[in-house]
């Protein structure tokens, strides 16, 4: 069967931005270990939800979303409040969804759109057209093709050798192209791209890419429309990659002031090495911003509290987590 996945071209703009993203993720790994600070995670989760829904016309502010996150009453349109409540709960569960599973994807849509859409969690059974800004019309594929196209899209996610960050962008565009639901396609595209990015690295769960897309919303729709028109999503992918890179830069700037303890660093090392023996040099490969002396103190602390077992002496010393 001929593929229905919209093509793209790997150009210098995409390659350079992807390299910058990879480097930034490495820096974030050293600074935040697995997750940003709780306060920053909360702030970015609110930004993500508020921005993603604002793109769809939701009127609630950052402070109102924050209040709903704390389960406090908010005055506003009933539907807008329900959209935010659904999004809060769905993003809370995001780690439980399987990124390469269509069934899991449909379950996420059901949670996001319950009491908002006629058939949450179900692919559409009829024609649909999309009017983008500037009265640009996109006629979505025939509804009878939606299920096979979605199955092919998830097969691409699972089996393609494309870089996972690239795959997340292609998925985002392809979902908007197929428009598999009567409602909720835009927010699902952004939600699922985050879920795919999390599979690349856990720290990306709290990356407020939606906030930057919201600030550049006219360009977002312009690149969607151009991809529809020319049958190639290269420029859309480049645009989304640039939003990811910019968001990573902001996240890195926000977390540079975080002071990590020896226990924080050792816990991160445990997630890397598990039951494998490692040296001080191996430890520093994953914690690039600490000195030899700090690494030695960390490891000695781990031995003293019974977290690590030490073997050998001086240059031959290795450690294993108990």
C-alpha atoms as a PDB file:
ATOM      1  CA  UNK A   1       0.000   0.000   0.000  1.00  0.00           C
ATOM      2  CA  UNK A   2       1.273   3.481  -0.838  1.00  0.00           C
ATOM      3  CA  UNK A   3       2.221   5.407   2.284  1.00  0.00           C
ATOM      4  CA  UNK A   4      -0.084   8.180   3.477  1.00  0.00           C
ATOM      5  CA  UNK A   5       2.582   9.733   5.718  1.00  0.00           C
ATOM      6  CA  UNK A   6       3.326  13.256   4.452  1.00  0.00           C
ATOM      7  CA  UNK A   7       7.028  13.491   3.443  1.00  0.00           C
ATOM      8  CA  UNK A   8       9.700  15.884   4.691  1.00  0.00           C
ATOM      9  CA  UNK A   9      13.263  16.734   3.652  1.00  0.00           C
ATOM     10  CA  UNK A  10      16.134  16.606   6.134  1.00  0.00           C
ATOM     11  CA  UNK A  11      17.811  19.965   5.518  1.00  0.00           C
ATOM     12  CA  UNK A  12      20.484  22.028   7.277  1.00  0.00           C
ATOM     13  CA  UNK A  13      17.933  24.011   9.278  1.00  0.00           C
ATOM     14  CA  UNK A  14      16.403  20.839  10.723  1.00  0.00           C
ATOM     15  CA  UNK A  15      19.745  19.104  11.299  1.00  0.00           C
ATOM     16  CA  UNK A  16      21.254  22.094  13.129  1.00  0.00           C
ATOM     17  CA  UNK A  17      18.198  22.596  15.317  1.00  0.00           C
ATOM     18  CA  UNK A  18      18.046  18.885  16.150  1.00  0.00           C
ATOM     19  CA  UNK A  19      21.733  18.968  17.158  1.00  0.00           C
ATOM     20  CA  UNK A  20      21.039  21.964  19.406  1.00  0.00           C
ATOM     21  CA  UNK A  21      18.110  20.135  21.010  1.00  0.00           C
ATOM     22  CA  UNK A  22      20.246  17.064  21.694  1.00  0.00           C
ATOM     23  CA  UNK A  23      22.926  19.225  23.306  1.00  0.00           C
ATOM     24  CA  UNK A  24      20.384  21.105  25.425  1.00  0.00           C
ATOM     25  CA  UNK A  25      18.813  17.859  26.666  1.00  0.00           C
ATOM     26  CA  UNK A  26      22.286  16.706  27.738  1.00  0.00           C
ATOM     27  CA  UNK A  27      22.828  19.927  29.678  1.00  0.00           C
ATOM     28  CA  UNK A  28      19.408  19.629  31.297  1.00  0.00           C
ATOM     29  CA  UNK A  29      20.146  16.045  32.332  1.00  0.00           C
ATOM     30  CA  UNK A  30      23.155  17.257  34.291  1.00  0.00           C
ATOM     31  CA  UNK A  31      21.347  20.213  35.852  1.00  0.00           C
ATOM     32  CA  UNK A  32      17.922  18.749  36.667  1.00  0.00           C
ATOM     33  CA  UNK A  33      18.734  15.017  36.711  1.00  0.00           C
ATOM     34  CA  UNK A  34      15.300  13.715  35.714  1.00  0.00           C
ATOM     35  CA  UNK A  35      12.817  16.488  36.458  1.00  0.00           C
ATOM     36  CA  UNK A  36      12.907  20.243  37.069  1.00  0.00           C
ATOM     37  CA  UNK A  37      12.131  21.561  40.545  1.00  0.00           C
ATOM     38  CA  UNK A  38       8.536  21.031  41.771  1.00  0.00           C
ATOM     39  CA  UNK A  39       7.768  24.760  41.538  1.00  0.00           C
ATOM     40  CA  UNK A  40       9.042  24.974  37.961  1.00  0.00           C
ATOM     41  CA  UNK A  41       7.223  21.761  36.989  1.00  0.00           C
ATOM     42  CA  UNK A  42       3.982  23.244  38.276  1.00  0.00           C
ATOM     43  CA  UNK A  43       4.524  26.561  36.475  1.00  0.00           C
ATOM     44  CA  UNK A  44       5.316  24.877  33.170  1.00  0.00           C
ATOM     45  CA  UNK A  45       2.428  22.426  33.443  1.00  0.00           C
ATOM     46  CA  UNK A  46       0.047  25.376  33.937  1.00  0.00           C
ATOM     47  CA  UNK A  47       1.632  27.183  30.970  1.00  0.00           C
ATOM     48  CA  UNK A  48       1.248  24.070  28.829  1.00  0.00           C
ATOM     49  CA  UNK A  49      -2.433  23.552  29.635  1.00  0.00           C
ATOM     50  CA  UNK A  50      -3.403  27.224  29.470  1.00  0.00           C
ATOM     51  CA  UNK A  51      -1.552  27.814  26.183  1.00  0.00           C
ATOM     52  CA  UNK A  52      -2.719  24.635  24.433  1.00  0.00           C
ATOM     53  CA  UNK A  53      -6.357  25.370  25.257  1.00  0.00           C
ATOM     54  CA  UNK A  54      -6.007  29.097  24.474  1.00  0.00           C
ATOM     55  CA  UNK A  55      -4.978  28.103  20.937  1.00  0.00           C
ATOM     56  CA  UNK A  56      -8.402  26.429  20.720  1.00  0.00           C
ATOM     57  CA  UNK A  57     -10.176  29.544  22.058  1.00  0.00           C
ATOM     58  CA  UNK A  58     -10.309  28.817  25.801  1.00  0.00           C
ATOM     59  CA  UNK A  59     -10.568  32.089  27.747  1.00  0.00           C
ATOM     60  CA  UNK A  60      -9.141  31.069  31.152  1.00  0.00           C
ATOM     61  CA  UNK A  61      -5.982  32.804  32.363  1.00  0.00           C
ATOM     62  CA  UNK A  62      -2.811  31.372  33.888  1.00  0.00           C
ATOM     63  CA  UNK A  63      -4.072  32.259  37.379  1.00  0.00           C
ATOM     64  CA  UNK A  64      -7.443  30.619  36.763  1.00  0.00           C
ATOM     65  CA  UNK A  65      -5.788  27.409  35.536  1.00  0.00           C
ATOM     66  CA  UNK A  66      -3.547  27.525  38.609  1.00  0.00           C
ATOM     67  CA  UNK A  67      -6.617  27.805  40.849  1.00  0.00           C
ATOM     68  CA  UNK A  68      -8.287  24.845  39.146  1.00  0.00           C
ATOM     69  CA  UNK A  69      -5.094  22.820  39.578  1.00  0.00           C
ATOM     70  CA  UNK A  70      -5.467  23.490  43.308  1.00  0.00           C
ATOM     71  CA  UNK A  71      -9.161  22.497  43.066  1.00  0.00           C
ATOM     72  CA  UNK A  72     -10.298  26.018  43.949  1.00  0.00           C
ATOM     73  CA  UNK A  73     -13.494  27.525  42.469  1.00  0.00           C
ATOM     74  CA  UNK A  74     -13.153  29.714  39.371  1.00  0.00           C
ATOM     75  CA  UNK A  75     -15.649  32.015  37.678  1.00  0.00           C
ATOM     76  CA  UNK A  76     -15.707  31.519  33.924  1.00  0.00           C
ATOM     77  CA  UNK A  77     -17.527  29.795  31.063  1.00  0.00           C
ATOM     78  CA  UNK A  78     -18.572  26.301  32.109  1.00  0.00           C
ATOM     79  CA  UNK A  79     -17.100  24.663  29.001  1.00  0.00           C
ATOM     80  CA  UNK A  80     -13.764  26.450  29.428  1.00  0.00           C
ATOM     81  CA  UNK A  81     -13.547  25.275  33.044  1.00  0.00           C
ATOM     82  CA  UNK A  82     -14.383  21.698  32.025  1.00  0.00           C
ATOM     83  CA  UNK A  83     -11.729  21.787  29.266  1.00  0.00           C
ATOM     84  CA  UNK A  84      -9.104  22.816  31.809  1.00  0.00           C
ATOM     85  CA  UNK A  85     -10.208  20.236  34.379  1.00  0.00           C
ATOM     86  CA  UNK A  86     -10.015  17.482  31.759  1.00  0.00           C
ATOM     87  CA  UNK A  87      -6.590  18.662  30.610  1.00  0.00           C
ATOM     88  CA  UNK A  88      -5.255  18.812  34.175  1.00  0.00           C
ATOM     89  CA  UNK A  89      -6.272  15.211  34.813  1.00  0.00           C
ATOM     90  CA  UNK A  90      -5.060  13.966  31.406  1.00  0.00           C
ATOM     91  CA  UNK A  91      -1.648  15.615  31.744  1.00  0.00           C
ATOM     92  CA  UNK A  92      -1.402  14.237  35.270  1.00  0.00           C
ATOM     93  CA  UNK A  93      -1.750  10.750  33.785  1.00  0.00           C
ATOM     94  CA  UNK A  94       0.457  11.394  30.739  1.00  0.00           C
ATOM     95  CA  UNK A  95       3.180   9.007  31.861  1.00  0.00           C
ATOM     96  CA  UNK A  96       0.720   6.094  31.910  1.00  0.00           C
ATOM     97  CA  UNK A  97      -0.104   6.414  28.207  1.00  0.00           C
ATOM     98  CA  UNK A  98       1.923   4.244  25.811  1.00  0.00           C
ATOM     99  CA  UNK A  99       3.441   6.523  23.143  1.00  0.00           C
ATOM    100  CA  UNK A 100       3.310   3.964  20.315  1.00  0.00           C
ATOM    101  CA  UNK A 101      -0.182   2.630  21.056  1.00  0.00           C
ATOM    102  CA  UNK A 102      -3.277   3.769  19.168  1.00  0.00           C
ATOM    103  CA  UNK A 103      -5.458   2.292  21.936  1.00  0.00           C
ATOM    104  CA  UNK A 104      -3.645   4.390  24.540  1.00  0.00           C
ATOM    105  CA  UNK A 105      -3.955   7.444  22.303  1.00  0.00           C
ATOM    106  CA  UNK A 106      -7.722   6.980  22.086  1.00  0.00           C
ATOM    107  CA  UNK A 107      -7.915   6.617  25.868  1.00  0.00           C
ATOM    108  CA  UNK A 108      -6.110   9.950  26.235  1.00  0.00           C
ATOM    109  CA  UNK A 109      -8.609  11.601  23.884  1.00  0.00           C
ATOM    110  CA  UNK A 110     -11.463  10.156  25.912  1.00  0.00           C
ATOM    111  CA  UNK A 111     -10.064  11.745  29.074  1.00  0.00           C
ATOM    112  CA  UNK A 112      -9.315  15.050  27.399  1.00  0.00           C
ATOM    113  CA  UNK A 113     -12.712  15.370  25.720  1.00  0.00           C
ATOM    114  CA  UNK A 114     -15.147  13.686  28.137  1.00  0.00           C
ATOM    115  CA  UNK A 115     -18.375  15.689  28.466  1.00  0.00           C
ATOM    116  CA  UNK A 116     -17.086  17.972  25.693  1.00  0.00           C
ATOM    117  CA  UNK A 117     -17.394  15.853  22.529  1.00  0.00           C
ATOM    118  CA  UNK A 118     -20.155  13.527  21.352  1.00  0.00           C
ATOM    119  CA  UNK A 119     -17.874  10.495  20.999  1.00  0.00           C
ATOM    120  CA  UNK A 120     -14.721  10.970  23.106  1.00  0.00           C
ATOM    121  CA  UNK A 121     -12.062   8.361  22.413  1.00  0.00           C
ATOM    122  CA  UNK A 122     -13.610   7.328  19.076  1.00  0.00           C
ATOM    123  CA  UNK A 123     -12.408   8.049  15.553  1.00  0.00           C
ATOM    124  CA  UNK A 124     -14.808  10.123  13.480  1.00  0.00           C
ATOM    125  CA  UNK A 125     -17.470   8.460  11.349  1.00  0.00           C
ATOM    126  CA  UNK A 126     -18.171  11.271   8.961  1.00  0.00           C
ATOM    127  CA  UNK A 127     -16.618  14.030   6.817  1.00  0.00           C
ATOM    128  CA  UNK A 128     -14.993  17.078   8.371  1.00  0.00           C
ATOM    129  CA  UNK A 129     -13.441  20.269   7.082  1.00  0.00           C
ATOM    130  CA  UNK A 130     -11.130  22.618   8.920  1.00  0.00           C
ATOM    131  CA  UNK A 131     -11.089  26.371   8.433  1.00  0.00           C
ATOM    132  CA  UNK A 132      -7.713  27.715   9.492  1.00  0.00           C
ATOM    133  CA  UNK A 133      -7.015  31.440  10.053  1.00  0.00           C
ATOM    134  CA  UNK A 134      -7.272  33.663   6.965  1.00  0.00           C
ATOM    135  CA  UNK A 135     -10.113  31.416   5.737  1.00  0.00           C
ATOM    136  CA  UNK A 136      -7.746  28.676   4.595  1.00  0.00           C
ATOM    137  CA  UNK A 137      -9.808  25.501   4.219  1.00  0.00           C
ATOM    138  CA  UNK A 138      -8.415  22.016   4.803  1.00  0.00           C
ATOM    139  CA  UNK A 139     -10.576  19.081   3.797  1.00  0.00           C
ATOM    140  CA  UNK A 140      -9.620  16.131   5.991  1.00  0.00           C
ATOM    141  CA  UNK A 141      -9.340  12.632   4.436  1.00  0.00           C
ATOM    142  CA  UNK A 142     -12.467  10.532   3.968  1.00  0.00           C
ATOM    143  CA  UNK A 143     -13.570   9.119   7.319  1.00  0.00           C
ATOM    144  CA  UNK A 144     -13.321   5.559   5.952  1.00  0.00           C
ATOM    145  CA  UNK A 145      -9.567   6.086   5.588  1.00  0.00           C
ATOM    146  CA  UNK A 146      -9.046   7.480   9.074  1.00  0.00           C
ATOM    147  CA  UNK A 147      -8.496   4.209  10.940  1.00  0.00           C
ATOM    148  CA  UNK A 148      -5.980   2.720   8.448  1.00  0.00           C
ATOM    149  CA  UNK A 149      -4.161   6.056   8.279  1.00  0.00           C
ATOM    150  CA  UNK A 150      -3.929   6.216  12.072  1.00  0.00           C
ATOM    151  CA  UNK A 151      -2.677   2.631  12.220  1.00  0.00           C
ATOM    152  CA  UNK A 152      -0.017   3.483   9.656  1.00  0.00           C
ATOM    153  CA  UNK A 153       0.938   6.583  11.648  1.00  0.00           C
ATOM    154  CA  UNK A 154       1.466   4.573  14.833  1.00  0.00           C
ATOM    155  CA  UNK A 155       3.395   1.930  12.878  1.00  0.00           C
ATOM    156  CA  UNK A 156       5.650   4.757  11.658  1.00  0.00           C
ATOM    157  CA  UNK A 157       6.169   5.913  15.244  1.00  0.00           C
ATOM    158  CA  UNK A 158       7.093   2.422  16.366  1.00  0.00           C
ATOM    159  CA  UNK A 159       9.215   1.232  13.446  1.00  0.00           C
ATOM    160  CA  UNK A 160      10.788   4.203  11.646  1.00  0.00           C
ATOM    161  CA  UNK A 161      14.503   4.887  12.080  1.00  0.00           C
ATOM    162  CA  UNK A 162      13.894   8.655  12.081  1.00  0.00           C
ATOM    163  CA  UNK A 163      15.137  10.458  15.199  1.00  0.00           C
ATOM    164  CA  UNK A 164      12.395  10.332  17.834  1.00  0.00           C
ATOM    165  CA  UNK A 165      12.208  14.126  18.094  1.00  0.00           C
ATOM    166  CA  UNK A 166      11.658  14.292  14.319  1.00  0.00           C
ATOM    167  CA  UNK A 167       9.004  11.582  14.612  1.00  0.00           C
ATOM    168  CA  UNK A 168       7.202  13.608  17.274  1.00  0.00           C
ATOM    169  CA  UNK A 169       6.985  16.567  14.873  1.00  0.00           C
ATOM    170  CA  UNK A 170       5.846  14.452  11.937  1.00  0.00           C
ATOM    171  CA  UNK A 171       3.207  12.866  14.145  1.00  0.00           C
ATOM    172  CA  UNK A 172       2.002  16.309  15.218  1.00  0.00           C
ATOM    173  CA  UNK A 173       1.545  17.433  11.617  1.00  0.00           C
ATOM    174  CA  UNK A 174       0.096  14.152  10.350  1.00  0.00           C
ATOM    175  CA  UNK A 175      -2.506  14.118  13.104  1.00  0.00           C
ATOM    176  CA  UNK A 176      -3.655  17.616  12.158  1.00  0.00           C
ATOM    177  CA  UNK A 177      -3.770  16.512   8.508  1.00  0.00           C
ATOM    178  CA  UNK A 178      -5.874  13.393   9.206  1.00  0.00           C
ATOM    179  CA  UNK A 179      -8.069  15.165  11.777  1.00  0.00           C
ATOM    180  CA  UNK A 180      -9.219  11.808  13.200  1.00  0.00           C
ATOM    181  CA  UNK A 181     -11.716  13.251  15.706  1.00  0.00           C
ATOM    182  CA  UNK A 182     -14.777  15.436  15.465  1.00  0.00           C
ATOM    183  CA  UNK A 183     -13.172  17.722  18.071  1.00  0.00           C
ATOM    184  CA  UNK A 184      -9.968  17.891  20.099  1.00  0.00           C
ATOM    185  CA  UNK A 185      -7.481  17.255  17.283  1.00  0.00           C
ATOM    186  CA  UNK A 186      -5.249  20.246  17.987  1.00  0.00           C
ATOM    187  CA  UNK A 187      -4.891  19.654  21.704  1.00  0.00           C
ATOM    188  CA  UNK A 188      -4.334  15.916  21.100  1.00  0.00           C
ATOM    189  CA  UNK A 189      -1.562  16.654  18.596  1.00  0.00           C
ATOM    190  CA  UNK A 190       0.262  18.793  21.142  1.00  0.00           C
ATOM    191  CA  UNK A 191      -0.409  16.391  24.044  1.00  0.00           C
ATOM    192  CA  UNK A 192       0.852  13.357  22.134  1.00  0.00           C
ATOM    193  CA  UNK A 193       3.945  15.129  20.875  1.00  0.00           C
ATOM    194  CA  UNK A 194       4.798  15.769  24.529  1.00  0.00           C
ATOM    195  CA  UNK A 195       4.214  12.078  25.302  1.00  0.00           C
ATOM    196  CA  UNK A 196       6.576  11.065  22.487  1.00  0.00           C
ATOM    197  CA  UNK A 197       9.195  13.581  23.632  1.00  0.00           C
ATOM    198  CA  UNK A 198       8.974  12.131  27.148  1.00  0.00           C
ATOM    199  CA  UNK A 199       9.967   8.782  25.683  1.00  0.00           C
ATOM    200  CA  UNK A 200      13.093  10.473  24.330  1.00  0.00           C
ATOM    201  CA  UNK A 201      13.903  11.946  27.761  1.00  0.00           C
ATOM    202  CA  UNK A 202      11.738  12.247  30.924  1.00  0.00           C
ATOM    203  CA  UNK A 203      12.681  15.900  31.500  1.00  0.00           C
ATOM    204  CA  UNK A 204      10.723  16.849  28.359  1.00  0.00           C
ATOM    205  CA  UNK A 205       7.429  16.144  30.142  1.00  0.00           C
ATOM    206  CA  UNK A 206       7.615  19.641  31.588  1.00  0.00           C
ATOM    207  CA  UNK A 207       8.674  21.482  28.447  1.00  0.00           C
ATOM    208  CA  UNK A 208       6.065  24.202  27.737  1.00  0.00           C
ATOM    209  CA  UNK A 209       6.330  24.051  23.931  1.00  0.00           C
ATOM    210  CA  UNK A 210       2.640  24.970  23.717  1.00  0.00           C
ATOM    211  CA  UNK A 211       3.452  28.313  25.348  1.00  0.00           C
ATOM    212  CA  UNK A 212       5.810  29.228  22.506  1.00  0.00           C
ATOM    213  CA  UNK A 213       3.407  27.939  19.862  1.00  0.00           C
ATOM    214  CA  UNK A 214       0.715  30.143  21.397  1.00  0.00           C
ATOM    215  CA  UNK A 215       3.026  33.170  21.151  1.00  0.00           C
ATOM    216  CA  UNK A 216       3.722  32.296  17.496  1.00  0.00           C
ATOM    217  CA  UNK A 217       0.220  31.086  16.646  1.00  0.00           C
ATOM    218  CA  UNK A 218      -0.071  32.797  13.239  1.00  0.00           C
ATOM    219  CA  UNK A 219       3.151  31.085  12.109  1.00  0.00           C
ATOM    220  CA  UNK A 220       1.927  27.758  13.508  1.00  0.00           C
ATOM    221  CA  UNK A 221      -1.173  27.878  11.316  1.00  0.00           C
ATOM    222  CA  UNK A 222       0.790  29.269   8.376  1.00  0.00           C
ATOM    223  CA  UNK A 223       3.153  26.273   8.386  1.00  0.00           C
ATOM    224  CA  UNK A 224       0.254  23.827   8.817  1.00  0.00           C
ATOM    225  CA  UNK A 225      -1.518  25.369   5.821  1.00  0.00           C
ATOM    226  CA  UNK A 226       1.625  25.424   3.685  1.00  0.00           C
ATOM    227  CA  UNK A 227       2.293  21.736   4.405  1.00  0.00           C
ATOM    228  CA  UNK A 228      -1.303  20.951   3.378  1.00  0.00           C
ATOM    229  CA  UNK A 229      -0.864  22.950   0.189  1.00  0.00           C
ATOM    230  CA  UNK A 230       2.481  21.522  -1.007  1.00  0.00           C
ATOM    231  CA  UNK A 231       2.191  18.011   0.454  1.00  0.00           C
ATOM    232  CA  UNK A 232       5.472  18.349   2.364  1.00  0.00           C
ATOM    233  CA  UNK A 233       5.842  19.100   6.089  1.00  0.00           C
ATOM    234  CA  UNK A 234       9.536  20.130   6.135  1.00  0.00           C
ATOM    235  CA  UNK A 235       8.921  23.735   7.168  1.00  0.00           C
ATOM    236  CA  UNK A 236       6.369  22.737   9.807  1.00  0.00           C
ATOM    237  CA  UNK A 237       8.897  20.321  11.341  1.00  0.00           C
ATOM    238  CA  UNK A 238      11.613  22.999  11.304  1.00  0.00           C
ATOM    239  CA  UNK A 239       9.249  25.460  13.015  1.00  0.00           C
ATOM    240  CA  UNK A 240       8.227  23.017  15.766  1.00  0.00           C
ATOM    241  CA  UNK A 241      11.862  21.994  16.345  1.00  0.00           C
ATOM    242  CA  UNK A 242      12.739  25.659  16.820  1.00  0.00           C
ATOM    243  CA  UNK A 243       9.960  26.015  19.419  1.00  0.00           C
ATOM    244  CA  UNK A 244      11.280  22.935  21.241  1.00  0.00           C
ATOM    245  CA  UNK A 245      14.817  24.314  21.184  1.00  0.00           C
ATOM    246  CA  UNK A 246      13.706  27.736  22.436  1.00  0.00           C
ATOM    247  CA  UNK A 247      11.640  26.113  25.181  1.00  0.00           C
ATOM    248  CA  UNK A 248      14.639  23.989  26.212  1.00  0.00           C
ATOM    249  CA  UNK A 249      16.761  27.130  26.401  1.00  0.00           C
ATOM    250  CA  UNK A 250      14.251  28.763  28.725  1.00  0.00           C
ATOM    251  CA  UNK A 251      13.956  25.630  30.854  1.00  0.00           C
ATOM    252  CA  UNK A 252      17.743  25.427  31.142  1.00  0.00           C
ATOM    253  CA  UNK A 253      17.953  29.092  32.166  1.00  0.00           C
ATOM    254  CA  UNK A 254      15.216  28.557  34.765  1.00  0.00           C
ATOM    255  CA  UNK A 255      16.978  25.554  36.308  1.00  0.00           C
ATOM    256  CA  UNK A 256      20.612  26.706  36.382  1.00  0.00           C
ATOM    257  CA  UNK A 257      20.155  28.121  39.878  1.00  0.00           C
ATOM    258  CA  UNK A 258      18.982  24.787  41.294  1.00  0.00           C
ATOM    259  CA  UNK A 259      21.444  23.372  43.848  1.00  0.00           C
ATOM    260  CA  UNK A 260      21.608  19.584  43.826  1.00  0.00           C
ATOM    261  CA  UNK A 261      22.644  17.540  46.836  1.00  0.00           C
ATOM    262  CA  UNK A 262      24.923  14.505  46.830  1.00  0.00           C
ATOM    263  CA  UNK A 263      21.812  12.380  47.438  1.00  0.00           C
ATOM    264  CA  UNK A 264      20.134  13.884  44.350  1.00  0.00           C
ATOM    265  CA  UNK A 265      23.158  13.079  42.202  1.00  0.00           C
ATOM    266  CA  UNK A 266      23.516   9.565  43.585  1.00  0.00           C
ATOM    267  CA  UNK A 267      19.838   8.841  42.952  1.00  0.00           C
ATOM    268  CA  UNK A 268      20.276   9.961  39.365  1.00  0.00           C
ATOM    269  CA  UNK A 269      23.361   7.761  39.018  1.00  0.00           C
ATOM    270  CA  UNK A 270      21.382   4.794  40.345  1.00  0.00           C
ATOM    271  CA  UNK A 271      18.828   5.288  37.540  1.00  0.00           C
ATOM    272  CA  UNK A 272      21.692   5.200  35.014  1.00  0.00           C
ATOM    273  CA  UNK A 273      23.910   2.400  36.316  1.00  0.00           C
ATOM    274  CA  UNK A 274      21.364   0.253  38.191  1.00  0.00           C
ATOM    275  CA  UNK A 275      23.348  -2.916  39.111  1.00  0.00           C
ATOM    276  CA  UNK A 276      26.333  -2.248  36.832  1.00  0.00           C
ATOM    277  CA  UNK A 277      29.758  -1.468  38.309  1.00  0.00           C
ATOM    278  CA  UNK A 278      31.103   2.009  37.504  1.00  0.00           C
ATOM    279  CA  UNK A 279      34.089   4.229  38.273  1.00  0.00           C
ATOM    280  CA  UNK A 280      34.315   7.827  39.398  1.00  0.00           C
ATOM    281  CA  UNK A 281      35.068   8.744  35.793  1.00  0.00           C
ATOM    282  CA  UNK A 282      31.899   6.967  34.640  1.00  0.00           C
ATOM    283  CA  UNK A 283      29.958   8.883  37.310  1.00  0.00           C
ATOM    284  CA  UNK A 284      31.246  12.208  35.988  1.00  0.00           C
ATOM    285  CA  UNK A 285      30.335  11.347  32.393  1.00  0.00           C
ATOM    286  CA  UNK A 286      26.681  11.708  33.415  1.00  0.00           C
ATOM    287  CA  UNK A 287      27.267  14.597  35.840  1.00  0.00           C
ATOM    288  CA  UNK A 288      29.491  16.847  33.766  1.00  0.00           C
ATOM    289  CA  UNK A 289      29.252  19.952  35.951  1.00  0.00           C
ATOM    290  CA  UNK A 290      30.892  18.551  39.090  1.00  0.00           C
ATOM    291  CA  UNK A 291      34.605  18.465  39.960  1.00  0.00           C
ATOM    292  CA  UNK A 292      36.708  15.390  40.661  1.00  0.00           C
ATOM    293  CA  UNK A 293      36.646  16.260  44.360  1.00  0.00           C
ATOM    294  CA  UNK A 294      32.842  16.585  44.438  1.00  0.00           C
ATOM    295  CA  UNK A 295      32.434  13.276  42.592  1.00  0.00           C
ATOM    296  CA  UNK A 296      34.748  11.552  45.097  1.00  0.00           C
ATOM    297  CA  UNK A 297      32.839  13.035  48.040  1.00  0.00           C
ATOM    298  CA  UNK A 298      29.518  11.928  46.540  1.00  0.00           C
ATOM    299  CA  UNK A 299      30.726   8.363  46.105  1.00  0.00           C
ATOM    300  CA  UNK A 300      32.287   8.218  49.560  1.00  0.00           C
ATOM    301  CA  UNK A 301      28.999   9.494  51.005  1.00  0.00           C
ATOM    302  CA  UNK A 302      27.198   6.713  49.140  1.00  0.00           C
ATOM    303  CA  UNK A 303      29.519   4.130  50.662  1.00  0.00           C
ATOM    304  CA  UNK A 304      29.135   5.566  54.178  1.00  0.00           C
ATOM    305  CA  UNK A 305      25.325   5.485  54.101  1.00  0.00           C
ATOM    306  CA  UNK A 306      25.293   1.952  52.694  1.00  0.00           C
ATOM    307  CA  UNK A 307      23.974   2.916  49.271  1.00  0.00           C
ATOM    308  CA  UNK A 308      27.136   1.851  47.412  1.00  0.00           C
ATOM    309  CA  UNK A 309      29.536  -1.053  47.646  1.00  0.00           C
ATOM    310  CA  UNK A 310      33.161  -0.102  46.915  1.00  0.00           C
ATOM    311  CA  UNK A 311      35.675  -2.482  45.329  1.00  0.00           C
ATOM    312  CA  UNK A 312      39.376  -1.939  44.526  1.00  0.00           C
ATOM    313  CA  UNK A 313      41.658   0.960  45.388  1.00  0.00           C
ATOM    314  CA  UNK A 314      42.670   4.271  43.803  1.00  0.00           C
ATOM    315  CA  UNK A 315      42.574   3.947  39.980  1.00  0.00           C
ATOM    316  CA  UNK A 316      40.988   0.492  40.102  1.00  0.00           C
ATOM    317  CA  UNK A 317      38.122   1.560  42.381  1.00  0.00           C
ATOM    318  CA  UNK A 318      34.616   0.689  41.200  1.00  0.00           C
ATOM    319  CA  UNK A 319      31.205   1.096  42.801  1.00  0.00           C
ATOM    320  CA  UNK A 320      27.925  -0.827  42.622  1.00  0.00           C
ATOM    321  CA  UNK A 321      24.562   0.261  43.984  1.00  0.00           C
ATOM    322  CA  UNK A 322      23.264  -2.165  46.574  1.00  0.00           C
END
